[in-house]
N, C-alpha and C. Protein backbone atom coordinates (compact mmCIF):
# COMPACT_ATOMS: atom_id res chain seq x y z
N UNK A 1 27.85 17.46 66.67
CA UNK A 1 27.68 17.71 65.26
C UNK A 1 28.97 17.34 64.53
N UNK A 2 28.85 16.62 63.41
CA UNK A 2 30.00 16.20 62.63
C UNK A 2 30.63 17.38 61.91
N UNK A 3 31.92 17.27 61.71
CA UNK A 3 32.62 18.29 60.93
C UNK A 3 32.17 18.22 59.48
N UNK A 4 32.01 19.38 58.84
CA UNK A 4 31.73 19.36 57.40
C UNK A 4 32.90 18.74 56.64
N UNK A 5 32.58 17.94 55.63
CA UNK A 5 33.58 17.31 54.78
C UNK A 5 33.84 18.20 53.57
N UNK A 6 35.12 18.46 53.31
CA UNK A 6 35.51 19.28 52.17
C UNK A 6 36.56 18.51 51.37
N UNK A 7 36.34 18.46 50.08
CA UNK A 7 37.25 17.80 49.17
C UNK A 7 38.02 18.87 48.40
N UNK A 8 39.34 18.82 48.45
CA UNK A 8 40.21 19.73 47.71
C UNK A 8 40.74 18.94 46.51
N UNK A 9 40.32 19.35 45.33
CA UNK A 9 40.70 18.65 44.11
C UNK A 9 41.65 19.50 43.27
N UNK A 10 42.71 18.87 42.80
CA UNK A 10 43.69 19.51 41.93
C UNK A 10 43.82 18.73 40.65
N UNK A 11 43.86 19.46 39.55
CA UNK A 11 43.91 18.85 38.23
C UNK A 11 45.31 18.68 37.69
N UNK A 12 45.41 18.62 36.36
CA UNK A 12 46.64 18.23 35.70
C UNK A 12 47.81 19.19 35.94
N UNK A 13 48.96 18.57 36.06
CA UNK A 13 50.26 19.23 36.20
C UNK A 13 50.50 19.88 37.56
N UNK A 14 49.50 19.88 38.42
CA UNK A 14 49.70 20.47 39.73
C UNK A 14 50.59 19.59 40.61
N UNK A 15 50.75 18.34 40.24
CA UNK A 15 51.70 17.46 40.92
C UNK A 15 53.14 17.93 40.73
N UNK A 16 53.36 18.82 39.76
CA UNK A 16 54.71 19.34 39.47
C UNK A 16 55.01 20.65 40.20
N UNK A 17 54.08 21.09 41.04
CA UNK A 17 54.32 22.34 41.77
C UNK A 17 55.62 22.25 42.56
N UNK A 18 56.29 23.36 42.63
CA UNK A 18 57.59 23.43 43.29
C UNK A 18 58.72 23.46 42.29
N UNK A 19 58.49 22.79 41.15
CA UNK A 19 59.51 22.78 40.09
C UNK A 19 58.96 23.30 38.77
N UNK A 20 57.66 23.26 38.58
CA UNK A 20 57.04 23.73 37.34
C UNK A 20 56.93 25.25 37.35
N UNK A 21 57.58 25.90 36.42
CA UNK A 21 57.49 27.34 36.25
C UNK A 21 57.40 28.09 37.60
N UNK A 22 58.44 27.98 38.41
CA UNK A 22 58.38 28.61 39.74
C UNK A 22 58.18 30.12 39.69
N UNK A 23 58.52 30.75 38.58
CA UNK A 23 58.29 32.19 38.47
C UNK A 23 56.80 32.51 38.39
N UNK A 24 55.99 31.54 38.02
CA UNK A 24 54.53 31.71 37.98
C UNK A 24 53.87 31.10 39.21
N UNK A 25 54.28 29.86 39.55
CA UNK A 25 53.58 29.09 40.58
C UNK A 25 54.30 29.04 41.92
N UNK A 26 55.51 29.56 42.00
CA UNK A 26 56.25 29.52 43.25
C UNK A 26 56.96 28.19 43.46
N UNK A 27 57.53 28.02 44.63
CA UNK A 27 58.30 26.82 44.94
C UNK A 27 57.59 25.88 45.92
N UNK A 28 56.40 26.24 46.32
CA UNK A 28 55.63 25.38 47.23
C UNK A 28 55.18 24.14 46.48
N UNK A 29 55.38 22.98 47.07
CA UNK A 29 54.98 21.73 46.42
C UNK A 29 53.51 21.43 46.70
N UNK A 30 52.95 20.53 45.91
CA UNK A 30 51.57 20.10 46.15
C UNK A 30 51.45 19.43 47.51
N UNK A 31 52.44 18.64 47.89
CA UNK A 31 52.41 18.00 49.21
C UNK A 31 52.34 19.05 50.32
N UNK A 32 53.09 20.15 50.15
CA UNK A 32 53.04 21.25 51.14
C UNK A 32 51.64 21.86 51.18
N UNK A 33 51.06 22.08 50.02
CA UNK A 33 49.72 22.68 49.94
C UNK A 33 48.70 21.76 50.58
N UNK A 34 48.77 20.48 50.28
CA UNK A 34 47.81 19.53 50.84
C UNK A 34 47.92 19.46 52.36
N UNK A 35 49.14 19.42 52.89
CA UNK A 35 49.32 19.40 54.35
C UNK A 35 48.77 20.68 54.97
N UNK A 36 49.01 21.81 54.31
CA UNK A 36 48.50 23.08 54.82
C UNK A 36 46.97 23.12 54.78
N UNK A 37 46.37 22.54 53.74
CA UNK A 37 44.91 22.50 53.64
C UNK A 37 44.30 21.66 54.76
N UNK A 38 44.89 20.51 55.04
CA UNK A 38 44.37 19.66 56.12
C UNK A 38 44.47 20.40 57.45
N UNK A 39 45.62 21.04 57.69
CA UNK A 39 45.82 21.78 58.93
C UNK A 39 44.87 22.97 59.03
N UNK A 40 44.75 23.73 57.95
CA UNK A 40 43.83 24.88 57.92
C UNK A 40 42.40 24.41 58.17
N UNK A 41 42.03 23.33 57.51
CA UNK A 41 40.69 22.77 57.70
C UNK A 41 40.43 22.40 59.14
N UNK A 42 41.42 21.77 59.76
CA UNK A 42 41.29 21.38 61.17
C UNK A 42 40.99 22.62 62.02
N UNK A 43 41.72 23.69 61.76
CA UNK A 43 41.52 24.93 62.51
C UNK A 43 40.16 25.56 62.27
N UNK A 44 39.58 25.30 61.10
CA UNK A 44 38.26 25.85 60.76
C UNK A 44 37.12 24.89 61.10
N UNK A 45 37.46 23.73 61.63
CA UNK A 45 36.43 22.75 61.95
C UNK A 45 35.95 21.96 60.75
N UNK A 46 36.82 21.81 59.75
CA UNK A 46 36.49 21.06 58.54
C UNK A 46 37.31 19.78 58.48
N UNK A 47 36.72 18.75 57.92
CA UNK A 47 37.46 17.52 57.63
C UNK A 47 37.85 17.59 56.16
N UNK A 48 39.13 17.82 55.88
CA UNK A 48 39.62 18.07 54.52
C UNK A 48 40.35 16.85 53.98
N UNK A 49 39.99 16.46 52.77
CA UNK A 49 40.69 15.41 52.03
C UNK A 49 41.15 16.03 50.71
N UNK A 50 42.39 15.74 50.33
CA UNK A 50 42.97 16.30 49.10
C UNK A 50 43.27 15.20 48.09
N UNK A 51 43.02 15.50 46.82
CA UNK A 51 43.32 14.58 45.73
C UNK A 51 43.84 15.36 44.53
N UNK A 52 44.67 14.70 43.74
CA UNK A 52 45.19 15.29 42.50
C UNK A 52 45.20 14.22 41.43
N UNK A 53 44.88 14.63 40.21
CA UNK A 53 44.95 13.73 39.07
C UNK A 53 45.30 14.51 37.81
N UNK A 54 45.92 13.80 36.89
CA UNK A 54 46.19 14.37 35.57
C UNK A 54 45.15 13.92 34.56
N UNK A 55 44.14 13.18 35.01
CA UNK A 55 43.16 12.56 34.12
C UNK A 55 41.78 13.19 34.30
N UNK A 56 41.24 13.70 33.22
CA UNK A 56 39.96 14.39 33.25
C UNK A 56 38.84 13.50 33.79
N UNK A 57 38.76 12.27 33.31
CA UNK A 57 37.70 11.37 33.74
C UNK A 57 37.74 11.09 35.23
N UNK A 58 38.93 10.96 35.79
CA UNK A 58 39.06 10.72 37.22
C UNK A 58 38.58 11.93 38.02
N UNK A 59 38.92 13.11 37.55
CA UNK A 59 38.46 14.34 38.21
C UNK A 59 36.93 14.42 38.17
N UNK A 60 36.35 14.09 37.03
CA UNK A 60 34.89 14.07 36.89
C UNK A 60 34.28 13.07 37.86
N UNK A 61 34.86 11.88 37.96
CA UNK A 61 34.33 10.87 38.89
C UNK A 61 34.40 11.34 40.33
N UNK A 62 35.49 11.99 40.72
CA UNK A 62 35.61 12.50 42.09
C UNK A 62 34.55 13.55 42.38
N UNK A 63 34.28 14.41 41.42
CA UNK A 63 33.23 15.42 41.60
C UNK A 63 31.89 14.72 41.77
N UNK A 64 31.60 13.74 40.93
CA UNK A 64 30.33 13.02 41.03
C UNK A 64 30.20 12.30 42.37
N UNK A 65 31.27 11.67 42.83
CA UNK A 65 31.25 10.94 44.10
C UNK A 65 31.07 11.87 45.30
N UNK A 66 31.38 13.15 45.11
CA UNK A 66 31.25 14.11 46.21
C UNK A 66 29.79 14.34 46.60
N UNK A 67 28.89 14.13 45.64
CA UNK A 67 27.46 14.33 45.94
C UNK A 67 27.04 13.32 47.00
N UNK A 68 26.53 13.82 48.10
CA UNK A 68 26.06 12.96 49.18
C UNK A 68 27.13 12.58 50.19
N UNK A 69 28.41 12.86 49.89
CA UNK A 69 29.47 12.52 50.83
C UNK A 69 30.27 13.73 51.29
N UNK A 70 30.24 14.81 50.51
CA UNK A 70 31.00 16.01 50.82
C UNK A 70 30.03 17.18 51.00
N UNK A 71 30.47 18.15 51.79
CA UNK A 71 29.68 19.36 51.99
C UNK A 71 30.11 20.49 51.07
N UNK A 72 31.32 20.39 50.52
CA UNK A 72 31.81 21.42 49.62
C UNK A 72 33.09 20.99 48.94
N UNK A 73 33.45 21.74 47.90
CA UNK A 73 34.64 21.46 47.12
C UNK A 73 35.50 22.70 46.98
N UNK A 74 36.80 22.51 47.05
CA UNK A 74 37.78 23.50 46.60
C UNK A 74 38.38 22.88 45.35
N UNK A 75 38.33 23.60 44.25
CA UNK A 75 38.72 23.01 42.97
C UNK A 75 39.71 23.89 42.22
N UNK A 76 40.89 23.34 41.98
CA UNK A 76 41.84 23.92 41.05
C UNK A 76 41.95 22.90 39.92
N UNK A 77 41.18 23.10 38.89
CA UNK A 77 41.09 22.13 37.80
C UNK A 77 42.23 22.28 36.80
N UNK A 78 43.17 23.19 37.07
CA UNK A 78 44.28 23.38 36.14
C UNK A 78 43.75 23.71 34.75
N UNK A 79 44.37 23.13 33.75
CA UNK A 79 44.00 23.41 32.36
C UNK A 79 42.56 22.98 32.04
N UNK A 80 42.02 22.03 32.78
CA UNK A 80 40.63 21.61 32.53
C UNK A 80 39.64 22.73 32.83
N UNK A 81 40.06 23.71 33.61
CA UNK A 81 39.24 24.89 33.86
C UNK A 81 38.75 25.50 32.55
N UNK A 82 39.62 25.51 31.56
CA UNK A 82 39.39 26.24 30.31
C UNK A 82 38.88 25.36 29.18
N UNK A 83 38.78 24.04 29.43
CA UNK A 83 38.47 23.12 28.33
C UNK A 83 37.39 22.09 28.61
N UNK A 84 37.12 21.79 29.86
CA UNK A 84 36.34 20.59 30.17
C UNK A 84 34.84 20.83 30.34
N UNK A 85 34.11 20.48 29.31
CA UNK A 85 32.65 20.50 29.40
C UNK A 85 32.18 19.33 30.26
N UNK A 86 32.93 18.24 30.27
CA UNK A 86 32.59 17.11 31.14
C UNK A 86 32.64 17.52 32.61
N UNK A 87 33.62 18.29 32.99
CA UNK A 87 33.72 18.78 34.36
C UNK A 87 32.59 19.78 34.65
N UNK A 88 32.28 20.61 33.69
CA UNK A 88 31.15 21.54 33.78
C UNK A 88 29.86 20.77 34.08
N UNK A 89 29.61 19.70 33.33
CA UNK A 89 28.40 18.89 33.52
C UNK A 89 28.40 18.20 34.88
N UNK A 90 29.55 17.72 35.33
CA UNK A 90 29.63 17.06 36.64
C UNK A 90 29.32 18.05 37.76
N UNK A 91 29.86 19.25 37.67
CA UNK A 91 29.59 20.27 38.69
C UNK A 91 28.11 20.66 38.69
N UNK A 92 27.49 20.71 37.52
CA UNK A 92 26.06 21.01 37.44
C UNK A 92 25.24 19.95 38.14
N UNK A 93 25.70 18.71 38.09
CA UNK A 93 24.93 17.59 38.64
C UNK A 93 25.04 17.47 40.16
N UNK A 94 26.13 17.96 40.76
CA UNK A 94 26.32 17.70 42.19
C UNK A 94 25.72 18.75 43.11
N UNK A 95 25.52 19.95 42.64
CA UNK A 95 24.91 21.02 43.44
C UNK A 95 25.56 21.19 44.80
N UNK A 96 26.88 21.31 44.81
CA UNK A 96 27.64 21.58 46.03
C UNK A 96 28.29 22.95 45.94
N UNK A 97 28.51 23.61 47.07
CA UNK A 97 29.28 24.84 47.01
C UNK A 97 30.72 24.55 46.59
N UNK A 98 31.18 25.27 45.58
CA UNK A 98 32.52 25.09 45.03
C UNK A 98 33.24 26.43 45.08
N UNK A 99 34.47 26.40 45.58
CA UNK A 99 35.33 27.58 45.49
C UNK A 99 36.44 27.22 44.50
N UNK A 100 36.53 28.01 43.45
CA UNK A 100 37.52 27.81 42.39
C UNK A 100 38.82 28.51 42.79
N UNK A 101 39.94 27.80 42.62
CA UNK A 101 41.25 28.34 42.99
C UNK A 101 42.19 28.24 41.80
N UNK A 102 42.98 29.30 41.61
CA UNK A 102 44.09 29.31 40.66
C UNK A 102 45.25 30.02 41.33
N UNK A 103 46.41 29.41 41.26
CA UNK A 103 47.57 30.01 41.92
C UNK A 103 48.01 31.29 41.23
N UNK A 104 47.92 31.30 39.91
CA UNK A 104 48.27 32.51 39.16
C UNK A 104 46.99 33.29 38.86
N UNK A 105 47.16 34.54 38.47
CA UNK A 105 46.01 35.33 38.07
C UNK A 105 45.73 35.00 36.60
N UNK A 106 44.73 34.16 36.37
CA UNK A 106 44.46 33.68 35.02
C UNK A 106 44.06 34.81 34.08
N UNK A 107 43.62 35.93 34.61
CA UNK A 107 43.19 37.06 33.77
C UNK A 107 44.36 37.92 33.30
N UNK A 108 45.53 37.66 33.83
CA UNK A 108 46.74 38.37 33.39
C UNK A 108 47.63 37.48 32.54
N UNK A 109 47.10 36.34 32.14
CA UNK A 109 47.87 35.38 31.36
C UNK A 109 47.32 35.29 29.95
N UNK A 110 47.63 34.21 29.26
CA UNK A 110 47.21 34.04 27.87
C UNK A 110 45.69 34.12 27.76
N UNK A 111 45.18 34.67 26.65
CA UNK A 111 43.74 34.83 26.50
C UNK A 111 42.92 33.54 26.67
N UNK A 112 43.47 32.40 26.27
CA UNK A 112 42.69 31.16 26.41
C UNK A 112 42.45 30.80 27.87
N UNK A 113 43.23 31.36 28.79
CA UNK A 113 43.05 31.08 30.22
C UNK A 113 42.00 31.99 30.86
N UNK A 114 41.50 32.96 30.15
CA UNK A 114 40.56 33.91 30.74
C UNK A 114 39.17 33.32 30.95
N UNK A 115 38.81 32.31 30.19
CA UNK A 115 37.49 31.69 30.34
C UNK A 115 37.57 30.48 31.26
N UNK A 116 36.61 30.38 32.17
CA UNK A 116 36.53 29.26 33.10
C UNK A 116 35.16 28.59 33.00
N UNK A 117 35.17 27.29 32.71
CA UNK A 117 33.93 26.52 32.76
C UNK A 117 33.51 26.25 34.21
N UNK A 118 34.44 26.36 35.14
CA UNK A 118 34.17 26.10 36.55
C UNK A 118 33.34 27.24 37.16
N UNK A 119 33.62 28.45 36.73
CA UNK A 119 33.01 29.64 37.34
C UNK A 119 31.49 29.63 37.30
N UNK A 120 30.91 28.96 36.34
CA UNK A 120 29.45 28.90 36.26
C UNK A 120 28.83 28.26 37.50
N UNK A 121 29.60 27.45 38.20
CA UNK A 121 29.08 26.74 39.37
C UNK A 121 29.79 27.11 40.67
N UNK A 122 30.79 27.96 40.57
CA UNK A 122 31.55 28.34 41.76
C UNK A 122 30.85 29.47 42.51
N UNK A 123 30.89 29.40 43.84
CA UNK A 123 30.39 30.51 44.63
C UNK A 123 31.37 31.67 44.57
N UNK A 124 32.61 31.37 44.20
CA UNK A 124 33.62 32.40 44.04
C UNK A 124 34.90 31.82 43.48
N UNK A 125 35.74 32.73 42.97
CA UNK A 125 37.04 32.35 42.42
C UNK A 125 38.13 33.12 43.14
N UNK A 126 39.18 32.40 43.49
CA UNK A 126 40.35 33.03 44.10
C UNK A 126 41.52 32.75 43.17
N UNK A 127 42.14 33.81 42.68
CA UNK A 127 43.28 33.61 41.77
C UNK A 127 44.34 34.66 42.01
N UNK A 128 45.58 34.24 41.77
CA UNK A 128 46.69 35.17 41.83
C UNK A 128 47.42 35.25 43.15
N UNK A 129 47.04 34.46 44.14
CA UNK A 129 47.65 34.53 45.46
C UNK A 129 48.55 33.33 45.78
N UNK A 130 48.90 32.56 44.75
CA UNK A 130 49.76 31.41 44.96
C UNK A 130 49.11 30.39 45.88
N UNK A 131 49.94 29.71 46.65
CA UNK A 131 49.45 28.66 47.55
C UNK A 131 48.49 29.20 48.60
N UNK A 132 48.62 30.48 48.95
CA UNK A 132 47.75 31.09 49.96
C UNK A 132 46.29 31.10 49.50
N UNK A 133 46.07 31.01 48.20
CA UNK A 133 44.70 30.97 47.69
C UNK A 133 43.89 29.82 48.25
N UNK A 134 44.55 28.70 48.55
CA UNK A 134 43.85 27.56 49.14
C UNK A 134 43.36 27.90 50.54
N UNK A 135 44.16 28.63 51.31
CA UNK A 135 43.72 29.08 52.64
C UNK A 135 42.48 29.95 52.52
N UNK A 136 42.53 30.91 51.59
CA UNK A 136 41.39 31.79 51.37
C UNK A 136 40.15 30.99 50.98
N UNK A 137 40.35 29.99 50.11
CA UNK A 137 39.23 29.17 49.65
C UNK A 137 38.60 28.40 50.80
N UNK A 138 39.42 27.83 51.66
CA UNK A 138 38.89 27.08 52.80
C UNK A 138 38.18 28.01 53.78
N UNK A 139 38.71 29.20 53.99
CA UNK A 139 38.04 30.17 54.86
C UNK A 139 36.68 30.54 54.30
N UNK A 140 36.62 30.80 53.00
CA UNK A 140 35.35 31.16 52.36
C UNK A 140 34.36 30.01 52.44
N UNK A 141 34.82 28.81 52.14
CA UNK A 141 33.93 27.65 52.16
C UNK A 141 33.44 27.37 53.58
N UNK A 142 34.32 27.52 54.55
CA UNK A 142 33.92 27.35 55.94
C UNK A 142 32.81 28.33 56.32
N UNK A 143 32.96 29.57 55.94
CA UNK A 143 31.93 30.59 56.23
C UNK A 143 30.61 30.23 55.56
N UNK A 144 30.68 29.75 54.34
CA UNK A 144 29.46 29.35 53.61
C UNK A 144 28.78 28.17 54.30
N UNK A 145 29.56 27.18 54.69
CA UNK A 145 28.99 25.99 55.33
C UNK A 145 28.42 26.30 56.70
N UNK A 146 29.10 27.14 57.45
CA UNK A 146 28.58 27.53 58.77
C UNK A 146 27.28 28.31 58.61
N UNK A 147 27.23 29.22 57.64
CA UNK A 147 26.03 30.01 57.39
C UNK A 147 24.87 29.10 57.01
N UNK A 148 25.13 28.06 56.19
CA UNK A 148 24.05 27.16 55.79
C UNK A 148 23.56 26.31 56.95
N UNK A 149 24.46 25.99 57.90
CA UNK A 149 24.05 25.25 59.09
C UNK A 149 23.15 26.10 59.99
N UNK A 150 23.43 27.40 60.02
CA UNK A 150 22.68 28.32 60.87
C UNK A 150 21.29 28.64 60.32
N UNK A 151 21.08 28.40 59.01
CA UNK A 151 19.78 28.76 58.44
C UNK A 151 18.79 27.64 58.54
């Protein structure tokens, strides 16, 4: 049996992790997070690919391309979480299990960050645990994918 394919997508400004507001996001770089996701995925029996973009349209295209090629998504859409109806529509179209990740607790931040367009399609949201949130997301997605294989 082939390993389930999982796409980890990161949105705008996450390429600056490690130096961007370390008091909020910590000092872990995106490269560190991506390497940890691939390793964690390997341990969970997942084939993990990571991508990051600062461009909304590219993120939308990656979500669309996931239909038929990926078994699930881990998505930290950054600021697009709170603004992107295009991303909302793309997630509606792909019908894949999505785990939403935020390094900070978005509910303890500015009011505009409290609303998520991603949550309407996410099986769950993990926020406030920094880089470890990606580990939690992959564990949750792995459990969901294994459960769906068993049914």
